[in-house]
Amino acid sequence: MSAMEGHRIGMVNRVVARADLETSAMSLASDIAKAPPLSMKMLKGSLNRTADMQGFRNAIQAHFDTHELCHTTQEYKEVRAAGLDTAIARAKSLA
């Protein structure tokens, strides 16, 4: 997915040219750093609790468990042994 497509579907809130990335990121970080620390801590806690109530933590843990389990399969071992280039080429041929 391109950055512009991610922006179009709302996955990212802004897209900047690569040449402007560091300046833009530092400007955003500077603005965030100006916020009152206690307010930010309270806001972050509130957002995290809301995400937990929606099952986010459990969803992440379930995904991680499945990811780790996949590493035990014969298919994973064969793909790993064949190397990353082979896996990428195989994925491209299936697309």
N, C-alpha and C. Protein backbone atom coordinates (compact mmCIF):
# COMPACT_ATOMS: atom_id res chain seq x y z
N MET A 1 0.84 -1.16 0.00
CA MET A 1 0.00 0.00 0.00
C MET A 1 0.89 1.24 0.00
N SER A 2 0.53 2.18 -0.80
CA SER A 2 1.31 3.42 -0.84
C SER A 2 0.89 4.32 0.32
N ALA A 3 1.73 5.31 0.60
CA ALA A 3 1.42 6.28 1.65
C ALA A 3 0.14 7.03 1.30
N MET A 4 -0.03 7.38 0.05
CA MET A 4 -1.22 8.13 -0.37
C MET A 4 -2.48 7.28 -0.19
N GLU A 5 -2.40 6.00 -0.48
CA GLU A 5 -3.55 5.11 -0.28
C GLU A 5 -3.87 5.00 1.21
N GLY A 6 -2.83 4.88 2.04
CA GLY A 6 -3.03 4.84 3.49
C GLY A 6 -3.71 6.11 3.98
N HIS A 7 -3.34 7.24 3.42
CA HIS A 7 -3.96 8.51 3.80
C HIS A 7 -5.41 8.54 3.32
N ARG A 8 -5.64 8.09 2.10
CA ARG A 8 -6.99 8.10 1.53
C ARG A 8 -7.98 7.30 2.37
N ILE A 9 -7.53 6.15 2.90
CA ILE A 9 -8.45 5.30 3.67
C ILE A 9 -8.43 5.61 5.16
N GLY A 10 -7.64 6.61 5.56
CA GLY A 10 -7.64 7.03 6.96
C GLY A 10 -6.69 6.26 7.86
N MET A 11 -5.77 5.51 7.27
CA MET A 11 -4.81 4.76 8.08
C MET A 11 -3.73 5.68 8.64
N VAL A 12 -3.42 6.74 7.91
CA VAL A 12 -2.47 7.75 8.36
C VAL A 12 -3.12 9.12 8.24
N ASN A 13 -2.69 10.07 9.07
CA ASN A 13 -3.35 11.37 9.06
C ASN A 13 -2.62 12.42 8.21
N ARG A 14 -1.43 12.12 7.77
CA ARG A 14 -0.73 13.05 6.88
C ARG A 14 0.38 12.32 6.15
N VAL A 15 0.72 12.86 4.99
CA VAL A 15 1.81 12.32 4.18
C VAL A 15 2.72 13.49 3.84
N VAL A 16 4.01 13.31 4.03
CA VAL A 16 4.99 14.35 3.69
C VAL A 16 6.05 13.76 2.77
N ALA A 17 6.66 14.62 2.02
CA ALA A 17 7.75 14.18 1.14
C ALA A 17 8.89 13.63 1.99
N ARG A 18 9.57 12.64 1.48
CA ARG A 18 10.69 12.03 2.21
C ARG A 18 11.70 13.08 2.66
N ALA A 19 11.96 14.06 1.81
CA ALA A 19 12.93 15.10 2.15
C ALA A 19 12.48 15.95 3.34
N ASP A 20 11.16 16.01 3.57
CA ASP A 20 10.61 16.81 4.67
C ASP A 20 10.27 15.98 5.90
N LEU A 21 10.50 14.68 5.83
CA LEU A 21 10.06 13.78 6.89
C LEU A 21 10.64 14.12 8.26
N GLU A 22 11.95 14.28 8.34
CA GLU A 22 12.57 14.54 9.64
C GLU A 22 12.11 15.88 10.21
N THR A 23 12.06 16.90 9.38
CA THR A 23 11.62 18.22 9.85
C THR A 23 10.17 18.15 10.33
N SER A 24 9.34 17.49 9.56
CA SER A 24 7.93 17.37 9.92
C SER A 24 7.75 16.58 11.21
N ALA A 25 8.47 15.48 11.34
CA ALA A 25 8.38 14.65 12.55
C ALA A 25 8.87 15.41 13.78
N MET A 26 9.96 16.14 13.64
CA MET A 26 10.48 16.91 14.77
C MET A 26 9.53 18.04 15.16
N SER A 27 8.89 18.65 14.18
CA SER A 27 7.92 19.70 14.47
C SER A 27 6.72 19.14 15.24
N LEU A 28 6.24 18.00 14.80
CA LEU A 28 5.13 17.35 15.50
C LEU A 28 5.54 16.95 16.92
N ALA A 29 6.72 16.37 17.06
CA ALA A 29 7.22 15.98 18.38
C ALA A 29 7.37 17.20 19.29
N SER A 30 7.82 18.30 18.73
CA SER A 30 7.98 19.53 19.52
C SER A 30 6.62 20.03 20.02
N ASP A 31 5.61 19.97 19.15
CA ASP A 31 4.26 20.38 19.56
C ASP A 31 3.72 19.47 20.67
N ILE A 32 3.93 18.18 20.52
CA ILE A 32 3.46 17.22 21.53
C ILE A 32 4.18 17.47 22.86
N ALA A 33 5.48 17.76 22.79
CA ALA A 33 6.28 17.97 24.01
C ALA A 33 5.84 19.21 24.78
N LYS A 34 5.15 20.13 24.14
CA LYS A 34 4.67 21.33 24.81
C LYS A 34 3.43 21.07 25.68
N ALA A 35 2.79 19.93 25.47
CA ALA A 35 1.57 19.62 26.23
C ALA A 35 1.93 19.34 27.69
N PRO A 36 1.02 19.66 28.61
CA PRO A 36 1.27 19.41 30.02
C PRO A 36 1.44 17.90 30.29
N PRO A 37 2.54 17.48 30.92
CA PRO A 37 2.83 16.05 31.12
C PRO A 37 1.71 15.29 31.85
N LEU A 38 1.15 15.86 32.90
CA LEU A 38 0.10 15.15 33.63
C LEU A 38 -1.13 14.94 32.74
N SER A 39 -1.48 15.94 31.97
CA SER A 39 -2.62 15.80 31.06
C SER A 39 -2.36 14.71 30.03
N MET A 40 -1.16 14.66 29.50
CA MET A 40 -0.82 13.63 28.52
C MET A 40 -0.87 12.24 29.15
N LYS A 41 -0.37 12.11 30.37
CA LYS A 41 -0.39 10.82 31.06
C LYS A 41 -1.83 10.37 31.29
N MET A 42 -2.69 11.30 31.71
CA MET A 42 -4.09 10.96 31.96
C MET A 42 -4.80 10.59 30.64
N LEU A 43 -4.53 11.35 29.60
CA LEU A 43 -5.14 11.07 28.30
C LEU A 43 -4.70 9.71 27.77
N LYS A 44 -3.40 9.43 27.87
CA LYS A 44 -2.89 8.14 27.39
C LYS A 44 -3.51 7.00 28.18
N GLY A 45 -3.61 7.15 29.49
CA GLY A 45 -4.25 6.12 30.30
C GLY A 45 -5.69 5.90 29.91
N SER A 46 -6.41 6.98 29.67
CA SER A 46 -7.81 6.89 29.25
C SER A 46 -7.95 6.16 27.92
N LEU A 47 -7.11 6.52 26.96
CA LEU A 47 -7.16 5.86 25.65
C LEU A 47 -6.80 4.37 25.76
N ASN A 48 -5.79 4.07 26.57
CA ASN A 48 -5.40 2.66 26.75
C ASN A 48 -6.51 1.85 27.41
N ARG A 49 -7.18 2.43 28.42
CA ARG A 49 -8.29 1.72 29.07
C ARG A 49 -9.44 1.49 28.09
N THR A 50 -9.71 2.48 27.26
CA THR A 50 -10.77 2.33 26.26
C THR A 50 -10.42 1.22 25.28
N ALA A 51 -9.18 1.20 24.81
CA ALA A 51 -8.75 0.15 23.89
C ALA A 51 -8.83 -1.22 24.56
N ASP A 52 -8.47 -1.29 25.84
CA ASP A 52 -8.56 -2.56 26.58
C ASP A 52 -10.01 -3.03 26.69
N MET A 53 -10.93 -2.10 26.96
CA MET A 53 -12.34 -2.46 27.06
C MET A 53 -12.88 -2.98 25.73
N GLN A 54 -12.29 -2.53 24.64
CA GLN A 54 -12.70 -2.99 23.31
C GLN A 54 -11.99 -4.28 22.91
N GLY A 55 -11.14 -4.79 23.80
CA GLY A 55 -10.48 -6.06 23.54
C GLY A 55 -9.14 -5.96 22.84
N PHE A 56 -8.58 -4.76 22.76
CA PHE A 56 -7.33 -4.58 22.01
C PHE A 56 -6.19 -5.43 22.57
N ARG A 57 -5.99 -5.38 23.88
CA ARG A 57 -4.88 -6.12 24.49
C ARG A 57 -5.04 -7.63 24.23
N ASN A 58 -6.26 -8.14 24.38
CA ASN A 58 -6.50 -9.56 24.12
C ASN A 58 -6.30 -9.90 22.65
N ALA A 59 -6.71 -8.99 21.76
CA ALA A 59 -6.52 -9.23 20.33
C ALA A 59 -5.04 -9.29 19.99
N ILE A 60 -4.25 -8.38 20.53
CA ILE A 60 -2.80 -8.38 20.28
C ILE A 60 -2.17 -9.65 20.82
N GLN A 61 -2.56 -10.06 22.02
CA GLN A 61 -2.00 -11.28 22.60
C GLN A 61 -2.37 -12.51 21.78
N ALA A 62 -3.62 -12.56 21.31
CA ALA A 62 -4.05 -13.69 20.48
C ALA A 62 -3.25 -13.74 19.18
N HIS A 63 -3.02 -12.57 18.58
CA HIS A 63 -2.23 -12.52 17.35
C HIS A 63 -0.80 -12.99 17.63
N PHE A 64 -0.22 -12.51 18.73
CA PHE A 64 1.15 -12.89 19.06
C PHE A 64 1.26 -14.40 19.28
N ASP A 65 0.28 -14.97 20.01
CA ASP A 65 0.28 -16.42 20.25
C ASP A 65 0.24 -17.19 18.93
N THR A 66 -0.63 -16.75 18.02
CA THR A 66 -0.75 -17.41 16.71
C THR A 66 0.55 -17.26 15.92
N HIS A 67 1.12 -16.08 15.95
CA HIS A 67 2.38 -15.81 15.26
C HIS A 67 3.48 -16.76 15.75
N GLU A 68 3.60 -16.87 17.07
CA GLU A 68 4.62 -17.74 17.65
C GLU A 68 4.36 -19.21 17.30
N LEU A 69 3.10 -19.62 17.31
CA LEU A 69 2.75 -21.00 16.97
C LEU A 69 3.13 -21.31 15.53
N CYS A 70 2.95 -20.34 14.65
CA CYS A 70 3.31 -20.54 13.24
C CYS A 70 4.79 -20.84 13.06
N HIS A 71 5.61 -20.36 13.96
CA HIS A 71 7.06 -20.61 13.87
C HIS A 71 7.41 -22.06 14.14
N THR A 72 6.47 -22.84 14.61
CA THR A 72 6.74 -24.25 14.89
C THR A 72 6.37 -25.17 13.73
N THR A 73 5.78 -24.61 12.65
CA THR A 73 5.30 -25.44 11.55
C THR A 73 6.43 -25.83 10.61
N GLN A 74 6.23 -26.93 9.93
CA GLN A 74 7.20 -27.38 8.93
C GLN A 74 7.29 -26.37 7.78
N GLU A 75 6.14 -25.79 7.41
CA GLU A 75 6.13 -24.80 6.33
C GLU A 75 7.05 -23.62 6.67
N TYR A 76 6.95 -23.11 7.90
CA TYR A 76 7.80 -22.00 8.31
C TYR A 76 9.27 -22.40 8.23
N LYS A 77 9.59 -23.59 8.72
CA LYS A 77 10.98 -24.04 8.70
C LYS A 77 11.51 -24.13 7.28
N GLU A 78 10.67 -24.59 6.34
CA GLU A 78 11.10 -24.70 4.94
C GLU A 78 11.29 -23.33 4.32
N VAL A 79 10.36 -22.41 4.58
CA VAL A 79 10.47 -21.05 4.05
C VAL A 79 11.72 -20.38 4.59
N ARG A 80 11.95 -20.53 5.89
CA ARG A 80 13.13 -19.91 6.50
C ARG A 80 14.42 -20.50 5.91
N ALA A 81 14.44 -21.81 5.73
CA ALA A 81 15.63 -22.46 5.19
C ALA A 81 15.90 -22.02 3.74
N ALA A 82 14.82 -21.75 2.99
CA ALA A 82 14.98 -21.35 1.59
C ALA A 82 15.47 -19.91 1.47
N GLY A 83 15.27 -19.12 2.49
CA GLY A 83 15.75 -17.74 2.47
C GLY A 83 14.66 -16.73 2.14
N LEU A 84 14.91 -15.51 2.53
CA LEU A 84 13.95 -14.42 2.36
C LEU A 84 13.68 -14.13 0.89
N ASP A 85 14.71 -14.15 0.05
CA ASP A 85 14.51 -13.86 -1.37
C ASP A 85 13.52 -14.83 -2.00
N THR A 86 13.64 -16.09 -1.66
CA THR A 86 12.73 -17.10 -2.19
C THR A 86 11.30 -16.86 -1.72
N ALA A 87 11.14 -16.52 -0.44
CA ALA A 87 9.80 -16.25 0.11
C ALA A 87 9.16 -15.04 -0.57
N ILE A 88 9.95 -14.00 -0.80
CA ILE A 88 9.42 -12.80 -1.47
C ILE A 88 9.03 -13.12 -2.90
N ALA A 89 9.87 -13.86 -3.60
CA ALA A 89 9.57 -14.23 -4.98
C ALA A 89 8.30 -15.09 -5.04
N ARG A 90 8.13 -16.00 -4.09
CA ARG A 90 6.94 -16.85 -4.05
C ARG A 90 5.69 -16.01 -3.79
N ALA A 91 5.77 -15.09 -2.88
CA ALA A 91 4.62 -14.23 -2.58
C ALA A 91 4.24 -13.39 -3.81
N LYS A 92 5.23 -12.89 -4.52
CA LYS A 92 4.95 -12.08 -5.72
C LYS A 92 4.29 -12.94 -6.80
N SER A 93 4.71 -14.19 -6.90
CA SER A 93 4.13 -15.06 -7.95
C SER A 93 2.68 -15.42 -7.62
N LEU A 94 2.29 -15.38 -6.37
CA LEU A 94 0.93 -15.69 -5.96
C LEU A 94 0.00 -14.49 -6.08
N ALA A 95 0.59 -13.30 -6.16
CA ALA A 95 -0.24 -12.07 -6.19
C ALA A 95 -0.84 -11.82 -7.54
